[in-house]
PDB file of N, CA and C in Angstrom:
ATOM      1  N   UNK A   1     -66.913  22.771 124.058  1.00  0.00           N
ATOM      2  CA  UNK A   1     -68.318  22.841 124.385  1.00  0.00           C
ATOM      3  C   UNK A   1     -68.523  23.974 125.393  1.00  0.00           C
ATOM      4  N   UNK A   2     -69.488  24.865 125.133  1.00  0.00           N
ATOM      5  CA  UNK A   2     -69.741  25.972 126.067  1.00  0.00           C
ATOM      6  C   UNK A   2     -70.163  25.462 127.449  1.00  0.00           C
ATOM      7  N   UNK A   3     -69.827  26.252 128.455  1.00  0.00           N
ATOM      8  CA  UNK A   3     -70.069  25.858 129.842  1.00  0.00           C
ATOM      9  C   UNK A   3     -71.560  25.657 130.122  1.00  0.00           C
ATOM     10  N   UNK A   4     -72.423  26.432 129.478  1.00  0.00           N
ATOM     11  CA  UNK A   4     -73.862  26.274 129.676  1.00  0.00           C
ATOM     12  C   UNK A   4     -74.355  24.909 129.232  1.00  0.00           C
ATOM     13  N   UNK A   5     -73.787  24.420 128.141  1.00  0.00           N
ATOM     14  CA  UNK A   5     -74.175  23.090 127.663  1.00  0.00           C
ATOM     15  C   UNK A   5     -73.703  22.001 128.621  1.00  0.00           C
ATOM     16  N   UNK A   6     -72.497  22.166 129.146  1.00  0.00           N
ATOM     17  CA  UNK A   6     -71.954  21.172 130.076  1.00  0.00           C
ATOM     18  C   UNK A   6     -72.793  21.129 131.351  1.00  0.00           C
ATOM     19  N   UNK A   7     -73.098  22.301 131.900  1.00  0.00           N
ATOM     20  CA  UNK A   7     -73.882  22.361 133.134  1.00  0.00           C
ATOM     21  C   UNK A   7     -75.281  21.802 132.909  1.00  0.00           C
ATOM     22  N   UNK A   8     -75.905  22.152 131.781  1.00  0.00           N
ATOM     23  CA  UNK A   8     -77.251  21.646 131.520  1.00  0.00           C
ATOM     24  C   UNK A   8     -77.241  20.129 131.321  1.00  0.00           C
ATOM     25  N   UNK A   9     -76.206  19.610 130.674  1.00  0.00           N
ATOM     26  CA  UNK A   9     -76.107  18.162 130.494  1.00  0.00           C
ATOM     27  C   UNK A   9     -75.924  17.451 131.827  1.00  0.00           C
ATOM     28  N   UNK A  10     -75.073  17.996 132.691  1.00  0.00           N
ATOM     29  CA  UNK A  10     -74.867  17.398 134.015  1.00  0.00           C
ATOM     30  C   UNK A  10     -76.142  17.447 134.859  1.00  0.00           C
ATOM     31  N   UNK A  11     -76.858  18.565 134.771  1.00  0.00           N
ATOM     32  CA  UNK A  11     -78.105  18.694 135.517  1.00  0.00           C
ATOM     33  C   UNK A  11     -79.163  17.730 134.983  1.00  0.00           C
ATOM     34  N   UNK A  12     -79.214  17.558 133.671  1.00  0.00           N
ATOM     35  CA  UNK A  12     -80.161  16.612 133.079  1.00  0.00           C
ATOM     36  C   UNK A  12     -79.822  15.179 133.487  1.00  0.00           C
ATOM     37  N   UNK A  13     -78.544  14.845 133.495  1.00  0.00           N
ATOM     38  CA  UNK A  13     -78.142  13.508 133.935  1.00  0.00           C
ATOM     39  C   UNK A  13     -78.459  13.293 135.409  1.00  0.00           C
ATOM     40  N   UNK A  14     -78.300  14.333 136.221  1.00  0.00           N
ATOM     41  CA  UNK A  14     -78.659  14.237 137.641  1.00  0.00           C
ATOM     42  C   UNK A  14     -80.165  14.023 137.797  1.00  0.00           C
ATOM     43  N   UNK A  15     -80.962  14.691 136.962  1.00  0.00           N
ATOM     44  CA  UNK A  15     -82.414  14.489 136.996  1.00  0.00           C
ATOM     45  C   UNK A  15     -82.769  13.052 136.649  1.00  0.00           C
ATOM     46  N   UNK A  16     -82.121  12.527 135.631  1.00  0.00           N
ATOM     47  CA  UNK A  16     -82.390  11.143 135.238  1.00  0.00           C
ATOM     48  C   UNK A  16     -81.974  10.166 136.344  1.00  0.00           C
ATOM     49  N   UNK A  17     -80.840  10.435 136.980  1.00  0.00           N
ATOM     50  CA  UNK A  17     -80.379   9.570 138.064  1.00  0.00           C
ATOM     51  C   UNK A  17     -81.339   9.638 139.248  1.00  0.00           C
ATOM     52  N   UNK A  18     -81.805  10.824 139.571  1.00  0.00           N
ATOM     53  CA  UNK A  18     -82.749  10.986 140.679  1.00  0.00           C
ATOM     54  C   UNK A  18     -84.064  10.286 140.366  1.00  0.00           C
ATOM     55  N   UNK A  19     -84.522  10.411 139.134  1.00  0.00           N
ATOM     56  CA  UNK A  19     -85.759   9.734 138.746  1.00  0.00           C
ATOM     57  C   UNK A  19     -85.587   8.217 138.793  1.00  0.00           C
ATOM     58  N   UNK A  20     -84.447   7.739 138.354  1.00  0.00           N
ATOM     59  CA  UNK A  20     -84.198   6.295 138.384  1.00  0.00           C
ATOM     60  C   UNK A  20     -84.148   5.774 139.819  1.00  0.00           C
ATOM     61  N   UNK A  21     -83.644   6.587 140.734  1.00  0.00           N
ATOM     62  CA  UNK A  21     -83.508   6.154 142.121  1.00  0.00           C
ATOM     63  C   UNK A  21     -84.821   6.233 142.893  1.00  0.00           C
ATOM     64  N   UNK A  22     -85.705   7.142 142.523  1.00  0.00           N
ATOM     65  CA  UNK A  22     -86.898   7.372 143.338  1.00  0.00           C
ATOM     66  C   UNK A  22     -88.183   6.835 142.731  1.00  0.00           C
ATOM     67  N   UNK A  23     -88.242   6.655 141.438  1.00  0.00           N
ATOM     68  CA  UNK A  23     -89.483   6.205 140.797  1.00  0.00           C
ATOM     69  C   UNK A  23     -89.511   4.694 140.702  1.00  0.00           C
ATOM     70  N   UNK A  24     -90.640   4.123 141.031  1.00  0.00           N
ATOM     71  CA  UNK A  24     -90.770   2.670 141.010  1.00  0.00           C
ATOM     72  C   UNK A  24     -91.053   2.144 139.601  1.00  0.00           C
ATOM     73  N   UNK A  25     -91.803   2.907 138.813  1.00  0.00           N
ATOM     74  CA  UNK A  25     -92.156   2.455 137.474  1.00  0.00           C
ATOM     75  C   UNK A  25     -91.030   2.760 136.509  1.00  0.00           C
ATOM     76  N   UNK A  26     -90.623   1.795 135.689  1.00  0.00           N
ATOM     77  CA  UNK A  26     -89.533   2.048 134.744  1.00  0.00           C
ATOM     78  C   UNK A  26     -89.894   3.065 133.664  1.00  0.00           C
ATOM     79  N   UNK A  27     -91.174   3.163 133.342  1.00  0.00           N
ATOM     80  CA  UNK A  27     -91.556   4.120 132.307  1.00  0.00           C
ATOM     81  C   UNK A  27     -91.488   5.566 132.809  1.00  0.00           C
ATOM     82  N   UNK A  28     -91.384   5.777 134.105  1.00  0.00           N
ATOM     83  CA  UNK A  28     -91.245   7.128 134.646  1.00  0.00           C
ATOM     84  C   UNK A  28     -89.926   7.754 134.198  1.00  0.00           C
ATOM     85  N   UNK A  29     -88.902   6.930 134.083  1.00  0.00           N
ATOM     86  CA  UNK A  29     -87.607   7.431 133.611  1.00  0.00           C
ATOM     87  C   UNK A  29     -87.711   7.928 132.177  1.00  0.00           C
ATOM     88  N   UNK A  30     -88.465   7.221 131.360  1.00  0.00           N
ATOM     89  CA  UNK A  30     -88.684   7.656 129.980  1.00  0.00           C
ATOM     90  C   UNK A  30     -89.447   8.980 129.956  1.00  0.00           C
ATOM     91  N   UNK A  31     -90.427   9.121 130.819  1.00  0.00           N
ATOM     92  CA  UNK A  31     -91.191  10.364 130.899  1.00  0.00           C
ATOM     93  C   UNK A  31     -90.324  11.549 131.296  1.00  0.00           C
ATOM     94  N   UNK A  32     -89.458  11.343 132.266  1.00  0.00           N
ATOM     95  CA  UNK A  32     -88.545  12.416 132.688  1.00  0.00           C
ATOM     96  C   UNK A  32     -87.596  12.767 131.546  1.00  0.00           C
ATOM     97  N   UNK A  33     -87.093  11.752 130.863  1.00  0.00           N
ATOM     98  CA  UNK A  33     -86.212  12.001 129.720  1.00  0.00           C
ATOM     99  C   UNK A  33     -86.899  12.801 128.629  1.00  0.00           C
ATOM    100  N   UNK A  34     -88.155  12.488 128.366  1.00  0.00           N
ATOM    101  CA  UNK A  34     -88.906  13.234 127.346  1.00  0.00           C
ATOM    102  C   UNK A  34     -89.137  14.681 127.793  1.00  0.00           C
ATOM    103  N   UNK A  35     -89.396  14.873 129.087  1.00  0.00           N
ATOM    104  CA  UNK A  35     -89.591  16.235 129.603  1.00  0.00           C
ATOM    105  C   UNK A  35     -88.301  17.055 129.542  1.00  0.00           C
ATOM    106  N   UNK A  36     -87.165  16.393 129.602  1.00  0.00           N
ATOM    107  CA  UNK A  36     -85.887  17.098 129.541  1.00  0.00           C
ATOM    108  C   UNK A  36     -85.534  17.543 128.128  1.00  0.00           C
ATOM    109  N   UNK A  37     -86.103  16.920 127.120  1.00  0.00           N
ATOM    110  CA  UNK A  37     -85.741  17.250 125.744  1.00  0.00           C
ATOM    111  C   UNK A  37     -86.026  18.704 125.377  1.00  0.00           C
ATOM    112  N   UNK A  38     -87.170  19.220 125.803  1.00  0.00           N
ATOM    113  CA  UNK A  38     -87.522  20.605 125.471  1.00  0.00           C
ATOM    114  C   UNK A  38     -86.544  21.620 126.036  1.00  0.00           C
ATOM    115  N   UNK A  39     -86.329  21.612 127.362  1.00  0.00           N
ATOM    116  CA  UNK A  39     -85.379  22.575 127.927  1.00  0.00           C
ATOM    117  C   UNK A  39     -83.958  22.433 127.382  1.00  0.00           C
ATOM    118  N   UNK A  40     -83.497  21.199 127.198  1.00  0.00           N
ATOM    119  CA  UNK A  40     -82.141  20.996 126.667  1.00  0.00           C
ATOM    120  C   UNK A  40     -82.039  21.562 125.253  1.00  0.00           C
ATOM    121  N   UNK A  41     -83.081  21.356 124.454  1.00  0.00           N
ATOM    122  CA  UNK A  41     -83.086  21.903 123.095  1.00  0.00           C
ATOM    123  C   UNK A  41     -83.020  23.422 123.123  1.00  0.00           C
ATOM    124  N   UNK A  42     -83.794  24.056 123.995  1.00  0.00           N
ATOM    125  CA  UNK A  42     -83.780  25.516 124.088  1.00  0.00           C
ATOM    126  C   UNK A  42     -82.429  26.044 124.564  1.00  0.00           C
ATOM    127  N   UNK A  43     -81.801  25.332 125.495  1.00  0.00           N
ATOM    128  CA  UNK A  43     -80.506  25.773 126.016  1.00  0.00           C
ATOM    129  C   UNK A  43     -79.411  25.591 124.970  1.00  0.00           C
ATOM    130  N   UNK A  44     -79.369  24.451 124.329  1.00  0.00           N
ATOM    131  CA  UNK A  44     -78.272  24.148 123.410  1.00  0.00           C
ATOM    132  C   UNK A  44     -78.385  24.897 122.095  1.00  0.00           C
ATOM    133  N   UNK A  45     -79.588  25.099 121.600  1.00  0.00           N
ATOM    134  CA  UNK A  45     -79.754  25.739 120.292  1.00  0.00           C
ATOM    135  C   UNK A  45     -80.629  26.984 120.389  1.00  0.00           C
ATOM    136  N   UNK A  46     -80.457  27.760 121.454  1.00  0.00           N
ATOM    137  CA  UNK A  46     -81.257  28.961 121.667  1.00  0.00           C
ATOM    138  C   UNK A  46     -81.082  30.006 120.574  1.00  0.00           C
ATOM    139  N   UNK A  47     -79.854  30.228 120.151  1.00  0.00           N
ATOM    140  CA  UNK A  47     -79.603  31.223 119.099  1.00  0.00           C
ATOM    141  C   UNK A  47     -80.290  30.829 117.799  1.00  0.00           C
ATOM    142  N   UNK A  48     -80.143  29.566 117.414  1.00  0.00           N
ATOM    143  CA  UNK A  48     -80.726  29.096 116.162  1.00  0.00           C
ATOM    144  C   UNK A  48     -82.245  29.114 116.214  1.00  0.00           C
ATOM    145  N   UNK A  49     -82.821  28.681 117.341  1.00  0.00           N
ATOM    146  CA  UNK A  49     -84.272  28.673 117.479  1.00  0.00           C
ATOM    147  C   UNK A  49     -84.838  30.087 117.544  1.00  0.00           C
ATOM    148  N   UNK A  50     -84.067  31.019 118.102  1.00  0.00           N
ATOM    149  CA  UNK A  50     -84.514  32.402 118.166  1.00  0.00           C
ATOM    150  C   UNK A  50     -84.573  33.075 116.809  1.00  0.00           C
ATOM    151  N   UNK A  51     -83.817  32.570 115.859  1.00  0.00           N
ATOM    152  CA  UNK A  51     -83.798  33.158 114.520  1.00  0.00           C
ATOM    153  C   UNK A  51     -84.902  32.633 113.610  1.00  0.00           C
ATOM    154  N   UNK A  52     -85.661  31.646 114.069  1.00  0.00           N
ATOM    155  CA  UNK A  52     -86.725  31.089 113.229  1.00  0.00           C
ATOM    156  C   UNK A  52     -87.835  32.109 113.017  1.00  0.00           C
ATOM    157  N   UNK A  53     -88.229  32.284 111.786  1.00  0.00           N
ATOM    158  CA  UNK A  53     -89.370  33.125 111.452  1.00  0.00           C
ATOM    159  C   UNK A  53     -90.196  32.398 110.405  1.00  0.00           C
ATOM    160  N   UNK A  54     -91.373  32.928 110.144  1.00  0.00           N
ATOM    161  CA  UNK A  54     -92.251  32.311 109.155  1.00  0.00           C
ATOM    162  C   UNK A  54     -93.152  31.285 109.805  1.00  0.00           C
ATOM    163  N   UNK A  55     -93.541  30.292 109.033  1.00  0.00           N
ATOM    164  CA  UNK A  55     -94.405  29.228 109.526  1.00  0.00           C
ATOM    165  C   UNK A  55     -93.521  28.222 110.261  1.00  0.00           C
ATOM    166  N   UNK A  56     -93.513  28.306 111.580  1.00  0.00           N
ATOM    167  CA  UNK A  56     -92.603  27.507 112.399  1.00  0.00           C
ATOM    168  C   UNK A  56     -93.278  26.198 112.795  1.00  0.00           C
ATOM    169  N   UNK A  57     -92.715  25.101 112.340  1.00  0.00           N
ATOM    170  CA  UNK A  57     -93.181  23.756 112.660  1.00  0.00           C
ATOM    171  C   UNK A  57     -94.650  23.545 112.312  1.00  0.00           C
ATOM    172  N   UNK A  58     -95.192  24.349 111.431  1.00  0.00           N
ATOM    173  CA  UNK A  58     -96.584  24.206 111.031  1.00  0.00           C
ATOM    174  C   UNK A  58     -97.577  24.607 112.103  1.00  0.00           C
ATOM    175  N   UNK A  59     -97.105  25.229 113.184  1.00  0.00           N
ATOM    176  CA  UNK A  59     -97.981  25.564 114.300  1.00  0.00           C
ATOM    177  C   UNK A  59     -98.452  27.008 114.265  1.00  0.00           C
ATOM    178  N   UNK A  60     -97.542  27.919 114.008  1.00  0.00           N
ATOM    179  CA  UNK A  60     -97.911  29.328 114.026  1.00  0.00           C
ATOM    180  C   UNK A  60     -96.958  30.113 113.135  1.00  0.00           C
ATOM    181  N   UNK A  61     -97.316  31.361 112.876  1.00  0.00           N
ATOM    182  CA  UNK A  61     -96.499  32.222 112.050  1.00  0.00           C
ATOM    183  C   UNK A  61     -95.769  33.208 112.944  1.00  0.00           C
ATOM    184  N   UNK A  62     -94.446  33.267 112.820  1.00  0.00           N
ATOM    185  CA  UNK A  62     -93.610  34.146 113.633  1.00  0.00           C
ATOM    186  C   UNK A  62     -93.099  35.267 112.751  1.00  0.00           C
ATOM    187  N   UNK A  63     -93.357  36.521 113.139  1.00  0.00           N
ATOM    188  CA  UNK A  63     -92.954  37.684 112.342  1.00  0.00           C
ATOM    189  C   UNK A  63     -91.553  38.178 112.642  1.00  0.00           C
ATOM    190  N   UNK A  64     -91.121  38.073 113.886  1.00  0.00           N
ATOM    191  CA  UNK A  64     -89.839  38.633 114.313  1.00  0.00           C
ATOM    192  C   UNK A  64     -88.994  37.567 114.993  1.00  0.00           C
ATOM    193  N   UNK A  65     -87.690  37.777 114.938  1.00  0.00           N
ATOM    194  CA  UNK A  65     -86.789  36.862 115.642  1.00  0.00           C
ATOM    195  C   UNK A  65     -86.850  37.136 117.139  1.00  0.00           C
ATOM    196  N   UNK A  66     -86.422  36.176 117.917  1.00  0.00           N
ATOM    197  CA  UNK A  66     -86.346  36.315 119.372  1.00  0.00           C
ATOM    198  C   UNK A  66     -84.877  36.321 119.773  1.00  0.00           C
ATOM    199  N   UNK A  67     -84.531  37.065 120.816  1.00  0.00           N
ATOM    200  CA  UNK A  67     -83.142  37.038 121.267  1.00  0.00           C
ATOM    201  C   UNK A  67     -82.763  35.644 121.763  1.00  0.00           C
ATOM    202  N   UNK A  68     -81.593  35.187 121.364  1.00  0.00           N
ATOM    203  CA  UNK A  68     -81.136  33.865 121.760  1.00  0.00           C
ATOM    204  C   UNK A  68     -81.028  33.702 123.268  1.00  0.00           C
ATOM    205  N   UNK A  69     -80.619  34.770 123.959  1.00  0.00           N
ATOM    206  CA  UNK A  69     -80.484  34.687 125.407  1.00  0.00           C
ATOM    207  C   UNK A  69     -81.847  34.445 126.061  1.00  0.00           C
ATOM    208  N   UNK A  70     -82.909  34.999 125.473  1.00  0.00           N
ATOM    209  CA  UNK A  70     -84.242  34.813 126.029  1.00  0.00           C
ATOM    210  C   UNK A  70     -84.725  33.376 125.819  1.00  0.00           C
ATOM    211  N   UNK A  71     -84.429  32.822 124.654  1.00  0.00           N
ATOM    212  CA  UNK A  71     -84.789  31.425 124.376  1.00  0.00           C
ATOM    213  C   UNK A  71     -84.053  30.504 125.349  1.00  0.00           C
ATOM    214  N   UNK A  72     -82.764  30.757 125.543  1.00  0.00           N
ATOM    215  CA  UNK A  72     -81.995  29.939 126.488  1.00  0.00           C
ATOM    216  C   UNK A  72     -82.501  30.118 127.922  1.00  0.00           C
ATOM    217  N   UNK A  73     -82.922  31.338 128.280  1.00  0.00           N
ATOM    218  CA  UNK A  73     -83.447  31.590 129.627  1.00  0.00           C
ATOM    219  C   UNK A  73     -84.705  30.763 129.881  1.00  0.00           C
ATOM    220  N   UNK A  74     -85.573  30.653 128.879  1.00  0.00           N
ATOM    221  CA  UNK A  74     -86.759  29.812 129.038  1.00  0.00           C
ATOM    222  C   UNK A  74     -86.368  28.336 129.181  1.00  0.00           C
ATOM    223  N   UNK A  75     -85.322  27.935 128.485  1.00  0.00           N
ATOM    224  CA  UNK A  75     -84.825  26.571 128.637  1.00  0.00           C
ATOM    225  C   UNK A  75     -84.333  26.311 130.046  1.00  0.00           C
ATOM    226  N   UNK A  76     -83.568  27.274 130.582  1.00  0.00           N
ATOM    227  CA  UNK A  76     -83.065  27.129 131.959  1.00  0.00           C
ATOM    228  C   UNK A  76     -84.217  27.120 132.959  1.00  0.00           C
ATOM    229  N   UNK A  77     -85.219  27.945 132.717  1.00  0.00           N
ATOM    230  CA  UNK A  77     -86.385  27.966 133.601  1.00  0.00           C
ATOM    231  C   UNK A  77     -87.057  26.591 133.618  1.00  0.00           C
ATOM    232  N   UNK A  78     -87.226  26.007 132.459  1.00  0.00           N
ATOM    233  CA  UNK A  78     -87.832  24.686 132.388  1.00  0.00           C
ATOM    234  C   UNK A  78     -86.988  23.613 133.039  1.00  0.00           C
ATOM    235  N   UNK A  79     -85.678  23.651 132.795  1.00  0.00           N
ATOM    236  CA  UNK A  79     -84.784  22.639 133.366  1.00  0.00           C
ATOM    237  C   UNK A  79     -84.725  22.748 134.890  1.00  0.00           C
ATOM    238  N   UNK A  80     -84.610  23.955 135.397  1.00  0.00           N
ATOM    239  CA  UNK A  80     -84.556  24.139 136.848  1.00  0.00           C
ATOM    240  C   UNK A  80     -85.891  23.809 137.501  1.00  0.00           C
ATOM    241  N   UNK A  81     -87.005  24.088 136.829  1.00  0.00           N
ATOM    242  CA  UNK A  81     -88.321  23.746 137.369  1.00  0.00           C
ATOM    243  C   UNK A  81     -88.498  22.237 137.456  1.00  0.00           C
ATOM    244  N   UNK A  82     -88.078  21.537 136.421  1.00  0.00           N
ATOM    245  CA  UNK A  82     -88.176  20.082 136.440  1.00  0.00           C
ATOM    246  C   UNK A  82     -87.278  19.490 137.527  1.00  0.00           C
ATOM    247  N   UNK A  83     -86.085  20.047 137.675  1.00  0.00           N
ATOM    248  CA  UNK A  83     -85.179  19.586 138.719  1.00  0.00           C
ATOM    249  C   UNK A  83     -85.794  19.807 140.102  1.00  0.00           C
ATOM    250  N   UNK A  84     -86.367  20.978 140.317  1.00  0.00           N
ATOM    251  CA  UNK A  84     -86.994  21.273 141.606  1.00  0.00           C
ATOM    252  C   UNK A  84     -88.158  20.328 141.873  1.00  0.00           C
ATOM    253  N   UNK A  85     -88.956  20.044 140.861  1.00  0.00           N
ATOM    254  CA  UNK A  85     -90.093  19.132 141.038  1.00  0.00           C
ATOM    255  C   UNK A  85     -89.617  17.729 141.406  1.00  0.00           C
ATOM    256  N   UNK A  86     -88.542  17.272 140.773  1.00  0.00           N
ATOM    257  CA  UNK A  86     -88.015  15.945 141.091  1.00  0.00           C
ATOM    258  C   UNK A  86     -87.437  15.892 142.504  1.00  0.00           C
ATOM    259  N   UNK A  87     -86.746  16.945 142.914  1.00  0.00           N
ATOM    260  CA  UNK A  87     -86.176  16.980 144.267  1.00  0.00           C
ATOM    261  C   UNK A  87     -87.290  17.023 145.311  1.00  0.00           C
ATOM    262  N   UNK A  88     -88.318  17.834 145.088  1.00  0.00           N
ATOM    263  CA  UNK A  88     -89.445  17.895 146.023  1.00  0.00           C
ATOM    264  C   UNK A  88     -90.143  16.549 146.105  1.00  0.00           C
ATOM    265  N   UNK A  89     -90.318  15.889 144.956  1.00  0.00           N
ATOM    266  CA  UNK A  89     -90.944  14.569 144.946  1.00  0.00           C
ATOM    267  C   UNK A  89     -90.099  13.558 145.721  1.00  0.00           C
ATOM    268  N   UNK A  90     -88.782  13.625 145.554  1.00  0.00           N
ATOM    269  CA  UNK A  90     -87.906  12.696 146.275  1.00  0.00           C
ATOM    270  C   UNK A  90     -87.993  12.928 147.786  1.00  0.00           C
ATOM    271  N   UNK A  91     -88.015  14.193 148.217  1.00  0.00           N
ATOM    272  CA  UNK A  91     -88.149  14.477 149.645  1.00  0.00           C
ATOM    273  C   UNK A  91     -89.504  14.031 150.173  1.00  0.00           C
ATOM    274  N   UNK A  92     -90.550  14.228 149.381  1.00  0.00           N
ATOM    275  CA  UNK A  92     -91.884  13.810 149.805  1.00  0.00           C
ATOM    276  C   UNK A  92     -91.961  12.298 149.945  1.00  0.00           C
ATOM    277  N   UNK A  93     -91.360  11.572 149.011  1.00  0.00           N
ATOM    278  CA  UNK A  93     -91.364  10.115 149.113  1.00  0.00           C
ATOM    279  C   UNK A  93     -90.561   9.653 150.320  1.00  0.00           C
ATOM    280  N   UNK A  94     -89.442  10.323 150.592  1.00  0.00           N
ATOM    281  CA  UNK A  94     -88.617   9.974 151.744  1.00  0.00           C
ATOM    282  C   UNK A  94     -89.353  10.245 153.048  1.00  0.00           C
ATOM    283  N   UNK A  95     -90.048  11.364 153.100  1.00  0.00           N
ATOM    284  CA  UNK A  95     -90.792  11.707 154.315  1.00  0.00           C
ATOM    285  C   UNK A  95     -91.950  10.748 154.517  1.00  0.00           C
ATOM    286  N   UNK A  96     -92.583  10.340 153.435  1.00  0.00           N
ATOM    287  CA  UNK A  96     -93.703   9.418 153.536  1.00  0.00           C
ATOM    288  C   UNK A  96     -93.225   8.025 153.952  1.00  0.00           C
ATOM    289  N   UNK A  97     -92.064   7.632 153.482  1.00  0.00           N
ATOM    290  CA  UNK A  97     -91.520   6.331 153.847  1.00  0.00           C
ATOM    291  C   UNK A  97     -91.112   6.295 155.320  1.00  0.00           C
ATOM    292  N   UNK A  98     -90.740   7.457 155.860  1.00  0.00           N
ATOM    293  CA  UNK A  98     -90.310   7.522 157.254  1.00  0.00           C
ATOM    294  C   UNK A  98     -91.466   7.528 158.234  1.00  0.00           C
ATOM    295  N   UNK A  99     -92.680   7.701 157.785  1.00  0.00           N
ATOM    296  CA  UNK A  99     -93.840   7.762 158.673  1.00  0.00           C
ATOM    297  C   UNK A  99     -94.257   6.411 159.131  1.00  0.00           C
TER     298      UNK A  99
END
């Protein structure tokens, strides 16, 4: 398994663990898991998704392929953004609890 997939999987599991530890509602964990699906898909299958052309998923028409590295970069951007949002939320909850 490529190192990028391993790191992204570990980071996604850390996000799920952080959400489970800080969120009171059980459905919040499901929401975080659903938000992780997009970035993980882009990271793991960036090359394949970059090669899609034509009528893609019935949403739009794509004329040219995209570089796989760019697709994976957007996946990493999404994964790191979600991780940062969860960490900021955890710190905010901790600071609020300490008041």
